[in-house]
Amino acid sequence: MPNYEYTCGECGKSFSQILTLKEHESGEVVCPACKSKNVEQKPAGFYAVTSKKS
């Protein structure tokens, strides 16, 4: 499952959550610090695992 990075618009805390694509698309992400739904997704890096050797 993907790991998403968020910043809370109310308290300013940054946090990450592991969500399924369905959970992420529903938009029901809540800040764990202040329970606000005013959160914004931050850009996050990712890496791909392949079977080919470079």
PDB file of N, CA and C in Angstrom:
ATOM      1  N   MET A   1       0.838  -1.171   0.000  1.00  0.00           N
ATOM      2  CA  MET A   1       0.000   0.000   0.000  1.00  0.00           C
ATOM      3  C   MET A   1       0.886   1.238   0.000  1.00  0.00           C
ATOM      4  N   PRO A   2       0.430   2.279  -0.677  1.00  0.00           N
ATOM      5  CA  PRO A   2       1.221   3.516  -0.734  1.00  0.00           C
ATOM      6  C   PRO A   2       1.245   4.256   0.603  1.00  0.00           C
ATOM      7  N   ASN A   3       2.338   4.986   0.807  1.00  0.00           N
ATOM      8  CA  ASN A   3       2.515   5.824   1.981  1.00  0.00           C
ATOM      9  C   ASN A   3       2.339   7.274   1.530  1.00  0.00           C
ATOM     10  N   TYR A   4       1.376   7.987   2.105  1.00  0.00           N
ATOM     11  CA  TYR A   4       1.079   9.363   1.725  1.00  0.00           C
ATOM     12  C   TYR A   4       1.547  10.319   2.807  1.00  0.00           C
ATOM     13  N   GLU A   5       2.102  11.456   2.394  1.00  0.00           N
ATOM     14  CA  GLU A   5       2.574  12.493   3.299  1.00  0.00           C
ATOM     15  C   GLU A   5       1.568  13.643   3.298  1.00  0.00           C
ATOM     16  N   TYR A   6       1.220  14.148   4.488  1.00  0.00           N
ATOM     17  CA  TYR A   6       0.248  15.230   4.620  1.00  0.00           C
ATOM     18  C   TYR A   6       0.769  16.300   5.563  1.00  0.00           C
ATOM     19  N   THR A   7       0.212  17.513   5.412  1.00  0.00           N
ATOM     20  CA  THR A   7       0.439  18.615   6.341  1.00  0.00           C
ATOM     21  C   THR A   7      -0.932  19.124   6.769  1.00  0.00           C
ATOM     22  N   CYS A   8      -1.115  19.336   8.063  1.00  0.00           N
ATOM     23  CA  CYS A   8      -2.382  19.824   8.590  1.00  0.00           C
ATOM     24  C   CYS A   8      -2.468  21.340   8.416  1.00  0.00           C
ATOM     25  N   GLY A   9      -3.594  21.817   7.909  1.00  0.00           N
ATOM     26  CA  GLY A   9      -3.812  23.247   7.731  1.00  0.00           C
ATOM     27  C   GLY A   9      -4.172  23.956   9.020  1.00  0.00           C
ATOM     28  N   GLU A  10      -4.571  23.223  10.040  1.00  0.00           N
ATOM     29  CA  GLU A  10      -4.955  23.825  11.325  1.00  0.00           C
ATOM     30  C   GLU A  10      -3.767  23.957  12.278  1.00  0.00           C
ATOM     31  N   CYS A  11      -3.082  22.836  12.541  1.00  0.00           N
ATOM     32  CA  CYS A  11      -1.996  22.859  13.530  1.00  0.00           C
ATOM     33  C   CYS A  11      -0.608  22.888  12.895  1.00  0.00           C
ATOM     34  N   GLY A  12      -0.515  22.658  11.569  1.00  0.00           N
ATOM     35  CA  GLY A  12       0.768  22.732  10.875  1.00  0.00           C
ATOM     36  C   GLY A  12       1.644  21.492  10.991  1.00  0.00           C
ATOM     37  N   LYS A  13       1.162  20.453  11.648  1.00  0.00           N
ATOM     38  CA  LYS A  13       1.955  19.231  11.807  1.00  0.00           C
ATOM     39  C   LYS A  13       2.007  18.455  10.494  1.00  0.00           C
ATOM     40  N   SER A  14       3.143  17.803  10.258  1.00  0.00           N
ATOM     41  CA  SER A  14       3.299  16.907   9.116  1.00  0.00           C
ATOM     42  C   SER A  14       3.164  15.472   9.609  1.00  0.00           C
ATOM     43  N   PHE A  15       2.530  14.633   8.798  1.00  0.00           N
ATOM     44  CA  PHE A  15       2.363  13.238   9.169  1.00  0.00           C
ATOM     45  C   PHE A  15       2.236  12.402   7.914  1.00  0.00           C
ATOM     46  N   SER A  16       2.421  11.110   8.061  1.00  0.00           N
ATOM     47  CA  SER A  16       2.284  10.190   6.934  1.00  0.00           C
ATOM     48  C   SER A  16       1.308   9.093   7.311  1.00  0.00           C
ATOM     49  N   GLN A  17       0.613   8.584   6.297  1.00  0.00           N
ATOM     50  CA  GLN A  17      -0.328   7.491   6.510  1.00  0.00           C
ATOM     51  C   GLN A  17      -0.199   6.500   5.371  1.00  0.00           C
ATOM     52  N   ILE A  18      -0.336   5.234   5.694  1.00  0.00           N
ATOM     53  CA  ILE A  18      -0.366   4.178   4.688  1.00  0.00           C
ATOM     54  C   ILE A  18      -1.837   3.894   4.407  1.00  0.00           C
ATOM     55  N   LEU A  19      -2.238   4.137   3.158  1.00  0.00           N
ATOM     56  CA  LEU A  19      -3.638   3.994   2.773  1.00  0.00           C
ATOM     57  C   LEU A  19      -3.766   3.175   1.497  1.00  0.00           C
ATOM     58  N   THR A  20      -4.900   2.515   1.341  1.00  0.00           N
ATOM     59  CA  THR A  20      -5.205   1.900   0.062  1.00  0.00           C
ATOM     60  C   THR A  20      -5.593   3.025  -0.897  1.00  0.00           C
ATOM     61  N   LEU A  21      -5.605   2.744  -2.181  1.00  0.00           N
ATOM     62  CA  LEU A  21      -6.003   3.760  -3.153  1.00  0.00           C
ATOM     63  C   LEU A  21      -7.444   4.203  -2.919  1.00  0.00           C
ATOM     64  N   LYS A  22      -8.300   3.281  -2.542  1.00  0.00           N
ATOM     65  CA  LYS A  22      -9.707   3.617  -2.274  1.00  0.00           C
ATOM     66  C   LYS A  22      -9.822   4.568  -1.081  1.00  0.00           C
ATOM     67  N   GLU A  23      -9.080   4.300  -0.012  1.00  0.00           N
ATOM     68  CA  GLU A  23      -9.097   5.171   1.162  1.00  0.00           C
ATOM     69  C   GLU A  23      -8.565   6.556   0.813  1.00  0.00           C
ATOM     70  N   HIS A  24      -7.496   6.608   0.016  1.00  0.00           N
ATOM     71  CA  HIS A  24      -6.905   7.885  -0.370  1.00  0.00           C
ATOM     72  C   HIS A  24      -7.880   8.711  -1.216  1.00  0.00           C
ATOM     73  N   GLU A  25      -8.560   8.064  -2.161  1.00  0.00           N
ATOM     74  CA  GLU A  25      -9.486   8.768  -3.037  1.00  0.00           C
ATOM     75  C   GLU A  25     -10.747   9.233  -2.312  1.00  0.00           C
ATOM     76  N   SER A  26     -11.093   8.601  -1.199  1.00  0.00           N
ATOM     77  CA  SER A  26     -12.281   9.006  -0.452  1.00  0.00           C
ATOM     78  C   SER A  26     -12.089  10.362   0.221  1.00  0.00           C
ATOM     79  N   GLY A  27     -10.833  10.745   0.479  1.00  0.00           N
ATOM     80  CA  GLY A  27     -10.543  12.056   1.066  1.00  0.00           C
ATOM     81  C   GLY A  27     -10.854  12.172   2.540  1.00  0.00           C
ATOM     82  N   GLU A  28     -10.996  11.072   3.236  1.00  0.00           N
ATOM     83  CA  GLU A  28     -11.330  11.086   4.662  1.00  0.00           C
ATOM     84  C   GLU A  28     -10.086  11.015   5.538  1.00  0.00           C
ATOM     85  N   VAL A  29      -9.069  11.808   5.232  1.00  0.00           N
ATOM     86  CA  VAL A  29      -7.837  11.810   6.014  1.00  0.00           C
ATOM     87  C   VAL A  29      -7.985  12.820   7.148  1.00  0.00           C
ATOM     88  N   VAL A  30      -7.616  12.415   8.360  1.00  0.00           N
ATOM     89  CA  VAL A  30      -7.755  13.247   9.550  1.00  0.00           C
ATOM     90  C   VAL A  30      -6.388  13.400  10.206  1.00  0.00           C
ATOM     91  N   CYS A  31      -6.075  14.604  10.642  1.00  0.00           N
ATOM     92  CA  CYS A  31      -4.814  14.859  11.347  1.00  0.00           C
ATOM     93  C   CYS A  31      -4.804  14.095  12.666  1.00  0.00           C
ATOM     94  N   PRO A  32      -3.752  13.312  12.935  1.00  0.00           N
ATOM     95  CA  PRO A  32      -3.710  12.553  14.194  1.00  0.00           C
ATOM     96  C   PRO A  32      -3.477  13.453  15.423  1.00  0.00           C
ATOM     97  N   ALA A  33      -2.954  14.659  15.219  1.00  0.00           N
ATOM     98  CA  ALA A  33      -2.661  15.539  16.351  1.00  0.00           C
ATOM     99  C   ALA A  33      -3.900  16.310  16.823  1.00  0.00           C
ATOM    100  N   CYS A  34      -4.632  16.928  15.861  1.00  0.00           N
ATOM    101  CA  CYS A  34      -5.752  17.789  16.259  1.00  0.00           C
ATOM    102  C   CYS A  34      -7.104  17.317  15.724  1.00  0.00           C
ATOM    103  N   LYS A  35      -7.118  16.221  14.976  1.00  0.00           N
ATOM    104  CA  LYS A  35      -8.337  15.610  14.416  1.00  0.00           C
ATOM    105  C   LYS A  35      -9.015  16.476  13.353  1.00  0.00           C
ATOM    106  N   SER A  36      -8.304  17.430  12.780  1.00  0.00           N
ATOM    107  CA  SER A  36      -8.854  18.271  11.721  1.00  0.00           C
ATOM    108  C   SER A  36      -8.864  17.524  10.392  1.00  0.00           C
ATOM    109  N   LYS A  37      -9.848  17.828   9.542  1.00  0.00           N
ATOM    110  CA  LYS A  37      -9.903  17.259   8.199  1.00  0.00           C
ATOM    111  C   LYS A  37      -9.288  18.219   7.180  1.00  0.00           C
ATOM    112  N   ASN A  38      -8.759  19.338   7.652  1.00  0.00           N
ATOM    113  CA  ASN A  38      -8.125  20.337   6.792  1.00  0.00           C
ATOM    114  C   ASN A  38      -6.665  19.944   6.565  1.00  0.00           C
ATOM    115  N   VAL A  39      -6.448  18.911   5.758  1.00  0.00           N
ATOM    116  CA  VAL A  39      -5.104  18.415   5.484  1.00  0.00           C
ATOM    117  C   VAL A  39      -4.795  18.529   4.000  1.00  0.00           C
ATOM    118  N   GLU A  40      -3.523  18.724   3.691  1.00  0.00           N
ATOM    119  CA  GLU A  40      -3.075  18.845   2.307  1.00  0.00           C
ATOM    120  C   GLU A  40      -1.976  17.832   2.048  1.00  0.00           C
ATOM    121  N   GLN A  41      -2.098  17.132   0.933  1.00  0.00           N
ATOM    122  CA  GLN A  41      -1.094  16.126   0.594  1.00  0.00           C
ATOM    123  C   GLN A  41       0.177  16.803   0.117  1.00  0.00           C
ATOM    124  N   LYS A  42       1.318  16.320   0.609  1.00  0.00           N
ATOM    125  CA  LYS A  42       2.619  16.819   0.188  1.00  0.00           C
ATOM    126  C   LYS A  42       3.191  15.891  -0.873  1.00  0.00           C
ATOM    127  N   PRO A  43       4.018  16.441  -1.770  1.00  0.00           N
ATOM    128  CA  PRO A  43       4.705  15.563  -2.723  1.00  0.00           C
ATOM    129  C   PRO A  43       5.645  14.619  -1.964  1.00  0.00           C
ATOM    130  N   ALA A  44       5.668  13.380  -2.370  1.00  0.00           N
ATOM    131  CA  ALA A  44       6.518  12.392  -1.707  1.00  0.00           C
ATOM    132  C   ALA A  44       7.292  11.607  -2.749  1.00  0.00           C
ATOM    133  N   GLY A  45       8.501  11.241  -2.414  1.00  0.00           N
ATOM    134  CA  GLY A  45       9.319  10.438  -3.315  1.00  0.00           C
ATOM    135  C   GLY A  45       8.867   8.987  -3.316  1.00  0.00           C
ATOM    136  N   PHE A  46       9.244   8.282  -4.339  1.00  0.00           N
ATOM    137  CA  PHE A  46       8.925   6.865  -4.401  1.00  0.00           C
ATOM    138  C   PHE A  46      10.043   6.161  -5.159  1.00  0.00           C
ATOM    139  N   TYR A  47      10.060   4.863  -5.078  1.00  0.00           N
ATOM    140  CA  TYR A  47      11.023   4.080  -5.847  1.00  0.00           C
ATOM    141  C   TYR A  47      10.308   2.857  -6.384  1.00  0.00           C
ATOM    142  N   ALA A  48      10.806   2.377  -7.493  1.00  0.00           N
ATOM    143  CA  ALA A  48      10.218   1.200  -8.128  1.00  0.00           C
ATOM    144  C   ALA A  48      11.199   0.037  -8.053  1.00  0.00           C
ATOM    145  N   VAL A  49      10.682  -1.125  -7.800  1.00  0.00           N
ATOM    146  CA  VAL A  49      11.486  -2.333  -7.759  1.00  0.00           C
ATOM    147  C   VAL A  49      11.201  -3.104  -9.042  1.00  0.00           C
ATOM    148  N   THR A  50      12.240  -3.373  -9.787  1.00  0.00           N
ATOM    149  CA  THR A  50      12.069  -4.117 -11.038  1.00  0.00           C
ATOM    150  C   THR A  50      12.932  -5.385 -11.004  1.00  0.00           C
ATOM    151  N   SER A  51      12.675  -6.260 -11.934  1.00  0.00           N
ATOM    152  CA  SER A  51      13.424  -7.497 -11.965  1.00  0.00           C
ATOM    153  C   SER A  51      14.669  -7.395 -12.861  1.00  0.00           C
ATOM    154  N   LYS A  52      14.741  -6.342 -13.670  1.00  0.00           N
ATOM    155  CA  LYS A  52      15.899  -6.176 -14.550  1.00  0.00           C
ATOM    156  C   LYS A  52      17.079  -5.594 -13.784  1.00  0.00           C
ATOM    157  N   LYS A  53      18.273  -6.053 -14.133  1.00  0.00           N
ATOM    158  CA  LYS A  53      19.477  -5.513 -13.525  1.00  0.00           C
ATOM    159  C   LYS A  53      20.071  -4.473 -14.465  1.00  0.00           C
ATOM    160  N   SER A  54      20.533  -3.387 -13.904  1.00  0.00           N
ATOM    161  CA  SER A  54      21.084  -2.328 -14.752  1.00  0.00           C
ATOM    162  C   SER A  54      22.592  -2.366 -14.790  1.00  0.00           C
TER     163      SER A  54
END
